[in-house]
Amino acid sequence: MERGGSPDLIERLTPDVLMEESSAVRAAALIARVRAYRHDSSRSISLFELLSDEAASTGVQMDLRRRAAIAALLEMGKADRVAQIYSDSQDTYLSDWYASLNPDSVSLGALLDHWPELQAAATTRNLNIMFPINHLVDAGYGAFIERVLRVRSQLSESLLKEKWDWRVKQKLEILSRLHPRSAELRLVLYKILHRRARGLPDGPDACLATRLLGEHFGGDSEILANVIPEGQFPDPASGSPGVLGHMVRAWPTSDLASAARNSSAEDRRHWSDLDRLICATTWGHWDQGTIPSPPR
């Protein structure tokens, strides 16, 4: 369907497109019809009327209908009609697009492809449509959006304004790719890891933050000193699994790594399996990665 085909073939392949419950499949079928009807004016007009009604539908659980229809209208080149629909509904935040149920990357892809046209059409109507970047990232579309150049700067700006107080694993990964080895990334990772310096337990993202810190700034003794004030040895028993291991791997010649390597077998019994595995692979001593965990 994505490569197009004759109108008759597309209609045979998608006979009950409006009965389809999957938003992504529905959008793909409608977009296929748009492409197939480009040289058939009568079918295009009929499809435009159908899509306009679908896109303006109201009621409970209509988000998949609106989303797929708007994606097809944008593919048809009817950004002005879409802007009119948003103007009439006063939905300037595109709330349908980040619904947690029935995810739809096909419709989102069409929105991203035609975002400049939609913005231009909205501007002519004095309508400020807000691209829901934060909501889409929270809904799991971050890596998908990251690949689109026209919204990457907006994604980057949003991540740099992030509070970094909750579970933000996907956002951290994206930030590290958008700003590798940057001061901005370093400050964010410091913020997450400095909980220990304030006497607080590791946050849920401490392991990931340590890994990213090591991947981007490993070997820099000043960086390590900022994370572990006064050479404080991470407590594997109470800390987040993996923090110690990633520090040892990224700073293998540091005093921290030496202290970890010289620790007793009894102390290592309190290490997490992840810490033991990372340290064992770093040192090349597999026997040190197979110390059994203490009884639970």
Foldseek 3Di string as FASTA:
>chain_A
DVVEDALVVLCVVCVPLVVDPQLQSSLVSLLNNLVNCPVPVVSNVVSLVVLLCQLLDDDPPSLSSNLSSVLNCLSNVNLLSVLVSCVVVVQLASVSQLPLPRHHVNSVVSCLVRVVVNCVSNVVVVHRRDDNLVSNVVSPCVVVVCVRVVCVVVLQVVLLPDPLPAPQLSSLVSNCVVAALHPSNLVSLLVQLCCVVVVHAHDPCVQVSLLSCLVRPFPPVVSVCSNPPPNDADQQLRHDANNLLSNCQRHVPDPNNVCVVPDDLVSCLSHDLNSQVSNCVSVVNVVSSPNDHDDD
